[in-house]
PDB file of all heavy atoms in Angstrom:
ATOM      1  N   PRO A   1      83.592 107.555 166.504  1.00  0.00           N
ATOM      2  CA  PRO A   1      82.254 107.158 166.957  1.00  0.00           C
ATOM      3  C   PRO A   1      82.287 105.779 167.605  1.00  0.00           C
ATOM      4  O   PRO A   1      83.059 104.911 167.195  1.00  0.00           O
ATOM      5  CB  PRO A   1      81.422 107.135 165.674  1.00  0.00           C
ATOM      6  CG  PRO A   1      82.368 107.227 164.546  1.00  0.00           C
ATOM      7  CD  PRO A   1      83.686 107.685 165.067  1.00  0.00           C
ATOM      8  N   ALA A   2      81.469 105.612 168.629  1.00  0.00           N
ATOM      9  CA  ALA A   2      81.390 104.311 169.298  1.00  0.00           C
ATOM     10  C   ALA A   2      80.871 103.269 168.313  1.00  0.00           C
ATOM     11  O   ALA A   2      80.109 103.590 167.398  1.00  0.00           O
ATOM     12  CB  ALA A   2      80.457 104.399 170.503  1.00  0.00           C
ATOM     13  N   LYS A   3      81.304 102.040 168.505  1.00  0.00           N
ATOM     14  CA  LYS A   3      80.845 100.956 167.632  1.00  0.00           C
ATOM     15  C   LYS A   3      79.349 100.754 167.830  1.00  0.00           C
ATOM     16  O   LYS A   3      78.858 100.770 168.957  1.00  0.00           O
ATOM     17  CB  LYS A   3      81.610  99.674 167.962  1.00  0.00           C
ATOM     18  CG  LYS A   3      81.307  98.552 167.016  1.00  0.00           C
ATOM     19  CD  LYS A   3      82.155  97.343 167.310  1.00  0.00           C
ATOM     20  CE  LYS A   3      81.787  96.253 166.315  1.00  0.00           C
ATOM     21  NZ  LYS A   3      82.448  95.019 166.591  1.00  0.00           N
ATOM     22  N   ALA A   4      78.642 100.574 166.714  1.00  0.00           N
ATOM     23  CA  ALA A   4      77.200 100.394 166.774  1.00  0.00           C
ATOM     24  C   ALA A   4      76.866  99.046 167.404  1.00  0.00           C
ATOM     25  O   ALA A   4      77.593  98.069 167.241  1.00  0.00           O
ATOM     26  CB  ALA A   4      76.607 100.467 165.372  1.00  0.00           C
ATOM     27  N   SER A   5      75.753  99.015 168.131  1.00  0.00           N
ATOM     28  CA  SER A   5      75.295  97.749 168.697  1.00  0.00           C
ATOM     29  C   SER A   5      74.819  96.839 167.565  1.00  0.00           C
ATOM     30  O   SER A   5      74.622  97.280 166.437  1.00  0.00           O
ATOM     31  CB  SER A   5      74.143  98.009 169.672  1.00  0.00           C
ATOM     32  OG  SER A   5      73.007  98.446 168.944  1.00  0.00           O
ATOM     33  N   ARG A   6      74.618  95.577 167.865  1.00  0.00           N
ATOM     34  CA  ARG A   6      74.124  94.647 166.835  1.00  0.00           C
ATOM     35  C   ARG A   6      72.774  95.095 166.305  1.00  0.00           C
ATOM     36  O   ARG A   6      72.498  94.990 165.119  1.00  0.00           O
ATOM     37  CB  ARG A   6      74.032  93.231 167.389  1.00  0.00           C
ATOM     38  CG  ARG A   6      75.371  92.568 167.551  1.00  0.00           C
ATOM     39  CD  ARG A   6      75.169  91.110 167.976  1.00  0.00           C
ATOM     40  NE  ARG A   6      76.428  90.507 168.319  1.00  0.00           N
ATOM     41  CZ  ARG A   6      77.116  89.733 167.496  1.00  0.00           C
ATOM     42  NH1 ARG A   6      76.658  89.495 166.296  1.00  0.00           N
ATOM     43  NH2 ARG A   6      78.251  89.212 167.883  1.00  0.00           N
ATOM     44  N   ASP A   7      71.903  95.617 167.200  1.00  0.00           N
ATOM     45  CA  ASP A   7      70.580  96.095 166.763  1.00  0.00           C
ATOM     46  C   ASP A   7      70.725  97.277 165.822  1.00  0.00           C
ATOM     47  O   ASP A   7      70.062  97.349 164.792  1.00  0.00           O
ATOM     48  CB  ASP A   7      69.720  96.495 167.966  1.00  0.00           C
ATOM     49  CG  ASP A   7      69.270  95.300 168.783  1.00  0.00           C
ATOM     50  OD1 ASP A   7      69.294  94.165 168.247  1.00  0.00           O
ATOM     51  OD2 ASP A   7      68.896  95.495 169.946  1.00  0.00           O
ATOM     52  N   ALA A   8      71.596  98.209 166.177  1.00  0.00           N
ATOM     53  CA  ALA A   8      71.811  99.384 165.325  1.00  0.00           C
ATOM     54  C   ALA A   8      72.419  98.967 163.997  1.00  0.00           C
ATOM     55  O   ALA A   8      72.070  99.494 162.939  1.00  0.00           O
ATOM     56  CB  ALA A   8      72.695 100.398 166.031  1.00  0.00           C
ATOM     57  N   ASP A   9      73.328  97.992 164.044  1.00  0.00           N
ATOM     58  CA  ASP A   9      73.946  97.513 162.818  1.00  0.00           C
ATOM     59  C   ASP A   9      72.897  96.859 161.923  1.00  0.00           C
ATOM     60  O   ASP A   9      72.906  97.036 160.708  1.00  0.00           O
ATOM     61  CB  ASP A   9      75.077  96.539 163.142  1.00  0.00           C
ATOM     62  CG  ASP A   9      75.930  96.233 161.924  1.00  0.00           C
ATOM     63  OD1 ASP A   9      76.290  97.192 161.207  1.00  0.00           O
ATOM     64  OD2 ASP A   9      76.234  95.055 161.697  1.00  0.00           O
ATOM     65  N   ALA A  10      71.975  96.102 162.514  1.00  0.00           N
ATOM     66  CA  ALA A  10      70.901  95.480 161.730  1.00  0.00           C
ATOM     67  C   ALA A  10      70.006  96.553 161.109  1.00  0.00           C
ATOM     68  O   ALA A  10      69.601  96.438 159.952  1.00  0.00           O
ATOM     69  CB  ALA A  10      70.091  94.539 162.611  1.00  0.00           C
ATOM     70  N   ARG A  11      69.708  97.611 161.874  1.00  0.00           N
ATOM     71  CA  ARG A  11      68.886  98.709 161.333  1.00  0.00           C
ATOM     72  C   ARG A  11      69.595  99.412 160.186  1.00  0.00           C
ATOM     73  O   ARG A  11      68.966  99.897 159.259  1.00  0.00           O
ATOM     74  CB  ARG A  11      68.555  99.723 162.431  1.00  0.00           C
ATOM     75  CG  ARG A  11      67.467  99.282 163.366  1.00  0.00           C
ATOM     76  CD  ARG A  11      66.956 100.444 164.213  1.00  0.00           C
ATOM     77  NE  ARG A  11      68.002 101.218 164.844  1.00  0.00           N
ATOM     78  CZ  ARG A  11      68.530 100.968 166.045  1.00  0.00           C
ATOM     79  NH1 ARG A  11      68.126  99.933 166.734  1.00  0.00           N
ATOM     80  NH2 ARG A  11      69.464 101.742 166.539  1.00  0.00           N
ATOM     81  N   ALA A  12      70.932  99.468 160.259  1.00  0.00           N
ATOM     82  CA  ALA A  12      71.695 100.145 159.213  1.00  0.00           C
ATOM     83  C   ALA A  12      71.508  99.472 157.866  1.00  0.00           C
ATOM     84  O   ALA A  12      71.700 100.097 156.835  1.00  0.00           O
ATOM     85  CB  ALA A  12      73.181 100.173 159.573  1.00  0.00           C
ATOM     86  N   HIS A  13      71.118  98.217 157.874  1.00  0.00           N
ATOM     87  CA  HIS A  13      70.948  97.491 156.623  1.00  0.00           C
ATOM     88  C   HIS A  13      69.483  97.242 156.287  1.00  0.00           C
ATOM     89  O   HIS A  13      69.182  96.509 155.361  1.00  0.00           O
ATOM     90  CB  HIS A  13      71.728  96.172 156.691  1.00  0.00           C
ATOM     91  CG  HIS A  13      73.188  96.402 156.922  1.00  0.00           C
ATOM     92  ND1 HIS A  13      74.012  96.934 155.962  1.00  0.00           N
ATOM     93  CD2 HIS A  13      73.953  96.242 158.017  1.00  0.00           C
ATOM     94  CE1 HIS A  13      75.234  97.064 156.454  1.00  0.00           C
ATOM     95  NE2 HIS A  13      75.222  96.653 157.696  1.00  0.00           N
ATOM     96  N   ARG A  14      68.563  97.864 157.050  1.00  0.00           N
ATOM     97  CA  ARG A  14      67.132  97.704 156.783  1.00  0.00           C
ATOM     98  C   ARG A  14      66.655  98.887 155.938  1.00  0.00           C
ATOM     99  O   ARG A  14      66.592 100.015 156.406  1.00  0.00           O
ATOM    100  CB  ARG A  14      66.366  97.639 158.101  1.00  0.00           C
ATOM    101  CG  ARG A  14      64.931  97.159 157.901  1.00  0.00           C
ATOM    102  CD  ARG A  14      64.157  97.078 159.194  1.00  0.00           C
ATOM    103  NE  ARG A  14      63.739  98.427 159.564  1.00  0.00           N
ATOM    104  CZ  ARG A  14      63.915  98.979 160.755  1.00  0.00           C
ATOM    105  NH1 ARG A  14      64.499  98.316 161.711  1.00  0.00           N
ATOM    106  NH2 ARG A  14      63.502 100.197 161.004  1.00  0.00           N
ATOM    107  N   TRP A  15      66.369  98.604 154.689  1.00  0.00           N
ATOM    108  CA  TRP A  15      65.931  99.636 153.752  1.00  0.00           C
ATOM    109  C   TRP A  15      64.461  99.437 153.426  1.00  0.00           C
ATOM    110  O   TRP A  15      63.983  98.310 153.362  1.00  0.00           O
ATOM    111  CB  TRP A  15      66.747  99.543 152.461  1.00  0.00           C
ATOM    112  CG  TRP A  15      68.131 100.060 152.636  1.00  0.00           C
ATOM    113  CD1 TRP A  15      69.162  99.450 153.276  1.00  0.00           C
ATOM    114  CD2 TRP A  15      68.627 101.306 152.189  1.00  0.00           C
ATOM    115  NE1 TRP A  15      70.277 100.242 153.247  1.00  0.00           N
ATOM    116  CE2 TRP A  15      69.974 101.390 152.577  1.00  0.00           C
ATOM    117  CE3 TRP A  15      68.066 102.370 151.479  1.00  0.00           C
ATOM    118  CZ2 TRP A  15      70.773 102.482 152.304  1.00  0.00           C
ATOM    119  CZ3 TRP A  15      68.861 103.452 151.192  1.00  0.00           C
ATOM    120  CH2 TRP A  15      70.196 103.515 151.604  1.00  0.00           C
ATOM    121  N   PRO A  16      63.738 100.524 153.190  1.00  0.00           N
ATOM    122  CA  PRO A  16      62.342 100.392 152.779  1.00  0.00           C
ATOM    123  C   PRO A  16      62.249  99.689 151.422  1.00  0.00           C
ATOM    124  O   PRO A  16      63.160  99.789 150.605  1.00  0.00           O
ATOM    125  CB  PRO A  16      61.841 101.839 152.669  1.00  0.00           C
ATOM    126  CG  PRO A  16      62.964 102.717 153.031  1.00  0.00           C
ATOM    127  CD  PRO A  16      64.174 101.901 153.271  1.00  0.00           C
ATOM    128  N   THR A  17      61.161  98.994 151.209  1.00  0.00           N
ATOM    129  CA  THR A  17      60.999  98.249 149.962  1.00  0.00           C
ATOM    130  C   THR A  17      59.836  98.755 149.114  1.00  0.00           C
ATOM    131  O   THR A  17      59.638  98.270 148.009  1.00  0.00           O
ATOM    132  CB  THR A  17      60.794  96.747 150.268  1.00  0.00           C
ATOM    133  OG1 THR A  17      59.662  96.606 151.134  1.00  0.00           O
ATOM    134  CG2 THR A  17      62.029  96.150 150.925  1.00  0.00           C
ATOM    135  N   ARG A  18      59.074  99.712 149.633  1.00  0.00           N
ATOM    136  CA  ARG A  18      57.933 100.222 148.860  1.00  0.00           C
ATOM    137  C   ARG A  18      58.411 101.043 147.673  1.00  0.00           C
ATOM    138  O   ARG A  18      59.465 101.675 147.732  1.00  0.00           O
ATOM    139  CB  ARG A  18      57.028 101.102 149.736  1.00  0.00           C
ATOM    140  CG  ARG A  18      56.391 100.343 150.873  1.00  0.00           C
ATOM    141  CD  ARG A  18      55.371 101.165 151.609  1.00  0.00           C
ATOM    142  NE  ARG A  18      55.973 102.378 152.173  1.00  0.00           N
ATOM    143  CZ  ARG A  18      55.277 103.344 152.752  1.00  0.00           C
ATOM    144  NH1 ARG A  18      53.966 103.273 152.836  1.00  0.00           N
ATOM    145  NH2 ARG A  18      55.873 104.397 153.257  1.00  0.00           N
ATOM    146  N   GLU A  19      57.623 101.024 146.623  1.00  0.00           N
ATOM    147  CA  GLU A  19      57.904 101.858 145.453  1.00  0.00           C
ATOM    148  C   GLU A  19      57.000 103.079 145.490  1.00  0.00           C
ATOM    149  O   GLU A  19      55.849 102.992 145.917  1.00  0.00           O
ATOM    150  CB  GLU A  19      57.688 101.068 144.167  1.00  0.00           C
ATOM    151  CG  GLU A  19      58.730  99.997 143.962  1.00  0.00           C
ATOM    152  CD  GLU A  19      58.680  99.409 142.572  1.00  0.00           C
ATOM    153  OE1 GLU A  19      58.151 100.064 141.646  1.00  0.00           O
ATOM    154  OE2 GLU A  19      59.181  98.286 142.417  1.00  0.00           O
ATOM    155  N   HIS A  20      57.536 104.218 145.077  1.00  0.00           N
ATOM    156  CA  HIS A  20      56.781 105.472 145.027  1.00  0.00           C
ATOM    157  C   HIS A  20      57.021 106.123 143.673  1.00  0.00           C
ATOM    158  O   HIS A  20      58.031 105.857 143.012  1.00  0.00           O
ATOM    159  CB  HIS A  20      57.250 106.439 146.134  1.00  0.00           C
ATOM    160  CG  HIS A  20      57.099 105.890 147.521  1.00  0.00           C
ATOM    161  ND1 HIS A  20      55.893 105.768 148.157  1.00  0.00           N
ATOM    162  CD2 HIS A  20      58.026 105.411 148.400  1.00  0.00           C
ATOM    163  CE1 HIS A  20      56.068 105.269 149.361  1.00  0.00           C
ATOM    164  NE2 HIS A  20      57.364 105.040 149.536  1.00  0.00           N
ATOM    165  N   SER A  21      56.115 106.994 143.277  1.00  0.00           N
ATOM    166  CA  SER A  21      56.298 107.686 141.997  1.00  0.00           C
ATOM    167  C   SER A  21      57.423 108.719 142.089  1.00  0.00           C
ATOM    168  O   SER A  21      58.126 108.966 141.113  1.00  0.00           O
ATOM    169  CB  SER A  21      54.995 108.353 141.546  1.00  0.00           C
ATOM    170  OG  SER A  21      54.576 109.292 142.517  1.00  0.00           O
ATOM    171  N   ARG A  22      57.590 109.319 143.270  1.00  0.00           N
ATOM    172  CA  ARG A  22      58.706 110.260 143.457  1.00  0.00           C
ATOM    173  C   ARG A  22      59.919 109.479 143.915  1.00  0.00           C
ATOM    174  O   ARG A  22      59.823 108.598 144.755  1.00  0.00           O
ATOM    175  CB  ARG A  22      58.346 111.341 144.477  1.00  0.00           C
ATOM    176  CG  ARG A  22      57.191 112.211 144.025  1.00  0.00           C
ATOM    177  CD  ARG A  22      56.897 113.333 144.976  1.00  0.00           C
ATOM    178  NE  ARG A  22      56.555 112.822 146.300  1.00  0.00           N
ATOM    179  CZ  ARG A  22      56.560 113.552 147.400  1.00  0.00           C
ATOM    180  NH1 ARG A  22      56.891 114.826 147.353  1.00  0.00           N
ATOM    181  NH2 ARG A  22      56.221 113.035 148.546  1.00  0.00           N
ATOM    182  N   LYS A  23      61.077 109.814 143.350  1.00  0.00           N
ATOM    183  CA  LYS A  23      62.298 109.067 143.650  1.00  0.00           C
ATOM    184  C   LYS A  23      63.457 110.031 143.874  1.00  0.00           C
ATOM    185  O   LYS A  23      63.469 111.132 143.347  1.00  0.00           O
ATOM    186  CB  LYS A  23      62.638 108.117 142.497  1.00  0.00           C
ATOM    187  CG  LYS A  23      61.541 107.097 142.205  1.00  0.00           C
ATOM    188  CD  LYS A  23      61.881 106.227 141.043  1.00  0.00           C
ATOM    189  CE  LYS A  23      60.799 105.299 140.584  1.00  0.00           C
ATOM    190  NZ  LYS A  23      59.821 104.833 141.470  1.00  0.00           N
ATOM    191  N   VAL A  24      64.425 109.580 144.638  1.00  0.00           N
ATOM    192  CA  VAL A  24      65.650 110.335 144.864  1.00  0.00           C
ATOM    193  C   VAL A  24      66.817 109.360 144.716  1.00  0.00           C
ATOM    194  O   VAL A  24      66.708 108.195 145.064  1.00  0.00           O
ATOM    195  CB  VAL A  24      65.657 111.027 146.253  1.00  0.00           C
ATOM    196  CG1 VAL A  24      65.657 110.011 147.377  1.00  0.00           C
ATOM    197  CG2 VAL A  24      66.822 111.968 146.395  1.00  0.00           C
ATOM    198  N   LEU A  25      67.910 109.855 144.173  1.00  0.00           N
ATOM    199  CA  LEU A  25      69.101 109.037 143.998  1.00  0.00           C
ATOM    200  C   LEU A  25      70.068 109.328 145.140  1.00  0.00           C
ATOM    201  O   LEU A  25      70.372 110.486 145.431  1.00  0.00           O
ATOM    202  CB  LEU A  25      69.769 109.358 142.657  1.00  0.00           C
ATOM    203  CG  LEU A  25      70.981 108.521 142.286  1.00  0.00           C
ATOM    204  CD1 LEU A  25      70.570 107.055 142.099  1.00  0.00           C
ATOM    205  CD2 LEU A  25      71.594 109.049 141.004  1.00  0.00           C
ATOM    206  N   MET A  26      70.563 108.279 145.796  1.00  0.00           N
ATOM    207  CA  MET A  26      71.477 108.448 146.922  1.00  0.00           C
ATOM    208  C   MET A  26      72.842 107.861 146.559  1.00  0.00           C
ATOM    209  O   MET A  26      72.931 106.729 146.093  1.00  0.00           O
ATOM    210  CB  MET A  26      70.932 107.742 148.169  1.00  0.00           C
ATOM    211  CG  MET A  26      71.839 107.859 149.376  1.00  0.00           C
ATOM    212  SD  MET A  26      71.194 106.981 150.820  1.00  0.00           S
ATOM    213  CE  MET A  26      69.848 108.059 151.294  1.00  0.00           C
ATOM    214  N   LEU A  27      73.878 108.660 146.793  1.00  0.00           N
ATOM    215  CA  LEU A  27      75.249 108.174 146.655  1.00  0.00           C
ATOM    216  C   LEU A  27      75.653 107.598 148.001  1.00  0.00           C
ATOM    217  O   LEU A  27      75.447 108.216 149.039  1.00  0.00           O
ATOM    218  CB  LEU A  27      76.189 109.315 146.270  1.00  0.00           C
ATOM    219  CG  LEU A  27      75.843 110.100 145.013  1.00  0.00           C
ATOM    220  CD1 LEU A  27      76.826 111.235 144.809  1.00  0.00           C
ATOM    221  CD2 LEU A  27      75.816 109.193 143.806  1.00  0.00           C
ATOM    222  N   MET A  28      76.241 106.425 147.993  1.00  0.00           N
ATOM    223  CA  MET A  28      76.604 105.783 149.258  1.00  0.00           C
ATOM    224  C   MET A  28      77.813 106.444 149.905  1.00  0.00           C
ATOM    225  O   MET A  28      77.968 106.402 151.102  1.00  0.00           O
ATOM    226  CB  MET A  28      76.868 104.291 149.050  1.00  0.00           C
ATOM    227  CG  MET A  28      75.609 103.532 148.650  1.00  0.00           C
ATOM    228  SD  MET A  28      74.216 103.781 149.765  1.00  0.00           S
ATOM    229  CE  MET A  28      74.739 102.823 151.161  1.00  0.00           C
ATOM    230  N   GLY A  29      78.666 107.059 149.120  1.00  0.00           N
ATOM    231  CA  GLY A  29      79.803 107.772 149.680  1.00  0.00           C
ATOM    232  C   GLY A  29      80.956 106.852 150.024  1.00  0.00           C
ATOM    233  O   GLY A  29      80.849 105.633 149.979  1.00  0.00           O
ATOM    234  N   CYS A  30      82.074 107.460 150.385  1.00  0.00           N
ATOM    235  CA  CYS A  30      83.268 106.683 150.686  1.00  0.00           C
ATOM    236  C   CYS A  30      83.587 106.690 152.177  1.00  0.00           C
ATOM    237  O   CYS A  30      84.203 105.758 152.678  1.00  0.00           O
ATOM    238  CB  CYS A  30      84.456 107.210 149.882  1.00  0.00           C
ATOM    239  SG  CYS A  30      84.724 108.974 150.049  1.00  0.00           S
ATOM    240  N   VAL A  31      83.157 107.702 152.903  1.00  0.00           N
ATOM    241  CA  VAL A  31      83.517 107.845 154.313  1.00  0.00           C
ATOM    242  C   VAL A  31      82.344 107.512 155.229  1.00  0.00           C
ATOM    243  O   VAL A  31      82.473 106.761 156.180  1.00  0.00           O
ATOM    244  CB  VAL A  31      83.997 109.291 154.598  1.00  0.00           C
ATOM    245  CG1 VAL A  31      84.248 109.498 156.068  1.00  0.00           C
ATOM    246  CG2 VAL A  31      85.233 109.596 153.792  1.00  0.00           C
ATOM    247  N   GLN A  32      81.197 108.043 154.926  1.00  0.00           N
ATOM    248  CA  GLN A  32      80.051 107.960 155.819  1.00  0.00           C
ATOM    249  C   GLN A  32      79.635 106.534 156.176  1.00  0.00           C
ATOM    250  O   GLN A  32      79.339 106.269 157.334  1.00  0.00           O
ATOM    251  CB  GLN A  32      78.905 108.771 155.224  1.00  0.00           C
ATOM    252  CG  GLN A  32      77.685 108.855 156.075  1.00  0.00           C
ATOM    253  CD  GLN A  32      76.731 107.739 155.757  1.00  0.00           C
ATOM    254  OE1 GLN A  32      76.536 107.383 154.611  1.00  0.00           O
ATOM    255  NE2 GLN A  32      76.162 107.161 156.769  1.00  0.00           N
ATOM    256  N   PRO A  33      79.619 105.570 155.266  1.00  0.00           N
ATOM    257  CA  PRO A  33      79.220 104.218 155.677  1.00  0.00           C
ATOM    258  C   PRO A  33      80.124 103.620 156.762  1.00  0.00           C
ATOM    259  O   PRO A  33      79.664 102.841 157.582  1.00  0.00           O
ATOM    260  CB  PRO A  33      79.312 103.402 154.383  1.00  0.00           C
ATOM    261  CG  PRO A  33      79.125 104.403 153.302  1.00  0.00           C
ATOM    262  CD  PRO A  33      79.796 105.656 153.811  1.00  0.00           C
ATOM    263  N   ALA A  34      81.390 103.984 156.774  1.00  0.00           N
ATOM    264  CA  ALA A  34      82.300 103.470 157.799  1.00  0.00           C
ATOM    265  C   ALA A  34      82.109 104.199 159.118  1.00  0.00           C
ATOM    266  O   ALA A  34      82.259 103.613 160.190  1.00  0.00           O
ATOM    267  CB  ALA A  34      83.751 103.608 157.341  1.00  0.00           C
ATOM    268  N   MET A  35      81.759 105.478 159.070  1.00  0.00           N
ATOM    269  CA  MET A  35      81.632 106.259 160.299  1.00  0.00           C
ATOM    270  C   MET A  35      80.259 106.095 160.940  1.00  0.00           C
ATOM    271  O   MET A  35      80.160 105.848 162.135  1.00  0.00           O
ATOM    272  CB  MET A  35      81.903 107.737 160.026  1.00  0.00           C
ATOM    273  CG  MET A  35      83.350 108.007 159.669  1.00  0.00           C
ATOM    274  SD  MET A  35      83.730 109.747 159.586  1.00  0.00           S
ATOM    275  CE  MET A  35      83.678 110.198 161.296  1.00  0.00           C
ATOM    276  N   LEU A  36      79.213 106.285 160.170  1.00  0.00           N
ATOM    277  CA  LEU A  36      77.845 106.234 160.702  1.00  0.00           C
ATOM    278  C   LEU A  36      76.955 105.487 159.714  1.00  0.00           C
ATOM    279  O   LEU A  36      76.199 106.103 158.965  1.00  0.00           O
ATOM    280  CB  LEU A  36      77.330 107.663 160.945  1.00  0.00           C
ATOM    281  CG  LEU A  36      78.154 108.481 161.943  1.00  0.00           C
ATOM    282  CD1 LEU A  36      77.807 109.948 161.861  1.00  0.00           C
ATOM    283  CD2 LEU A  36      77.944 107.964 163.351  1.00  0.00           C
ATOM    284  N   PRO A  37      77.030 104.161 159.715  1.00  0.00           N
ATOM    285  CA  PRO A  37      76.368 103.382 158.665  1.00  0.00           C
ATOM    286  C   PRO A  37      74.854 103.443 158.657  1.00  0.00           C
ATOM    287  O   PRO A  37      74.239 103.089 157.669  1.00  0.00           O
ATOM    288  CB  PRO A  37      76.852 101.950 158.938  1.00  0.00           C
ATOM    289  CG  PRO A  37      77.254 101.944 160.362  1.00  0.00           C
ATOM    290  CD  PRO A  37      77.752 103.331 160.651  1.00  0.00           C
ATOM    291  N   ASN A  38      74.219 103.899 159.728  1.00  0.00           N
ATOM    292  CA  ASN A  38      72.762 103.926 159.773  1.00  0.00           C
ATOM    293  C   ASN A  38      72.171 105.172 159.105  1.00  0.00           C
ATOM    294  O   ASN A  38      70.969 105.228 158.873  1.00  0.00           O
ATOM    295  CB  ASN A  38      72.279 103.827 161.227  1.00  0.00           C
ATOM    296  CG  ASN A  38      70.814 103.484 161.312  1.00  0.00           C
ATOM    297  OD1 ASN A  38      70.278 102.774 160.471  1.00  0.00           O
ATOM    298  ND2 ASN A  38      70.157 103.991 162.330  1.00  0.00           N
ATOM    299  N   ILE A  39      72.977 106.164 158.785  1.00  0.00           N
ATOM    300  CA  ILE A  39      72.431 107.422 158.259  1.00  0.00           C
ATOM    301  C   ILE A  39      71.714 107.230 156.928  1.00  0.00           C
ATOM    302  O   ILE A  39      70.620 107.743 156.735  1.00  0.00           O
ATOM    303  CB  ILE A  39      73.533 108.498 158.142  1.00  0.00           C
ATOM    304  CG1 ILE A  39      73.905 108.981 159.534  1.00  0.00           C
ATOM    305  CG2 ILE A  39      73.078 109.667 157.279  1.00  0.00           C
ATOM    306  CD1 ILE A  39      75.006 109.991 159.572  1.00  0.00           C
ATOM    307  N   ASN A  40      72.309 106.497 155.992  1.00  0.00           N
ATOM    308  CA  ASN A  40      71.673 106.341 154.686  1.00  0.00           C
ATOM    309  C   ASN A  40      70.344 105.602 154.788  1.00  0.00           C
ATOM    310  O   ASN A  40      69.350 106.023 154.189  1.00  0.00           O
ATOM    311  CB  ASN A  40      72.601 105.608 153.713  1.00  0.00           C
ATOM    312  CG  ASN A  40      73.738 106.488 153.247  1.00  0.00           C
ATOM    313  OD1 ASN A  40      73.685 107.703 153.338  1.00  0.00           O
ATOM    314  ND2 ASN A  40      74.785 105.873 152.748  1.00  0.00           N
ATOM    315  N   SER A  41      70.300 104.507 155.540  1.00  0.00           N
ATOM    316  CA  SER A  41      69.044 103.772 155.660  1.00  0.00           C
ATOM    317  C   SER A  41      68.009 104.572 156.447  1.00  0.00           C
ATOM    318  O   SER A  41      66.818 104.536 156.122  1.00  0.00           O
ATOM    319  CB  SER A  41      69.264 102.392 156.280  1.00  0.00           C
ATOM    320  OG  SER A  41      69.812 102.512 157.568  1.00  0.00           O
ATOM    321  N   ALA A  42      68.444 105.319 157.462  1.00  0.00           N
ATOM    322  CA  ALA A  42      67.511 106.165 158.207  1.00  0.00           C
ATOM    323  C   ALA A  42      66.934 107.244 157.307  1.00  0.00           C
ATOM    324  O   ALA A  42      65.728 107.526 157.346  1.00  0.00           O
ATOM    325  CB  ALA A  42      68.215 106.793 159.413  1.00  0.00           C
ATOM    326  N   THR A  43      67.779 107.821 156.468  1.00  0.00           N
ATOM    327  CA  THR A  43      67.304 108.822 155.509  1.00  0.00           C
ATOM    328  C   THR A  43      66.300 108.201 154.550  1.00  0.00           C
ATOM    329  O   THR A  43      65.246 108.793 154.252  1.00  0.00           O
ATOM    330  CB  THR A  43      68.492 109.420 154.731  1.00  0.00           C
ATOM    331  OG1 THR A  43      69.396 110.009 155.659  1.00  0.00           O
ATOM    332  CG2 THR A  43      68.037 110.449 153.719  1.00  0.00           C
ATOM    333  N   ALA A  44      66.598 106.995 154.073  1.00  0.00           N
ATOM    334  CA  ALA A  44      65.683 106.306 153.155  1.00  0.00           C
ATOM    335  C   ALA A  44      64.343 106.020 153.833  1.00  0.00           C
ATOM    336  O   ALA A  44      63.287 106.141 153.194  1.00  0.00           O
ATOM    337  CB  ALA A  44      66.320 105.011 152.665  1.00  0.00           C
ATOM    338  N   ARG A  45      64.360 105.680 155.122  1.00  0.00           N
ATOM    339  CA  ARG A  45      63.101 105.420 155.835  1.00  0.00           C
ATOM    340  C   ARG A  45      62.285 106.693 156.013  1.00  0.00           C
ATOM    341  O   ARG A  45      61.062 106.680 155.877  1.00  0.00           O
ATOM    342  CB  ARG A  45      63.383 104.746 157.182  1.00  0.00           C
ATOM    343  CG  ARG A  45      63.899 103.316 157.037  1.00  0.00           C
ATOM    344  CD  ARG A  45      63.951 102.568 158.368  1.00  0.00           C
ATOM    345  NE  ARG A  45      64.824 103.173 159.353  1.00  0.00           N
ATOM    346  CZ  ARG A  45      66.125 102.928 159.464  1.00  0.00           C
ATOM    347  NH1 ARG A  45      66.717 102.091 158.633  1.00  0.00           N
ATOM    348  NH2 ARG A  45      66.836 103.503 160.417  1.00  0.00           N
TER     349      ARG A  45
END
């Protein structure tokens, strides 16, 4: 995968901060953060 731009890299580390009554547990994984680091934060958003 092409290297993420600085903006995309910043988005990869932007997580929502609101609390909700419904919750899900996310495993960060061993491969995915190196390949496509924005997926977990995008999923969280």
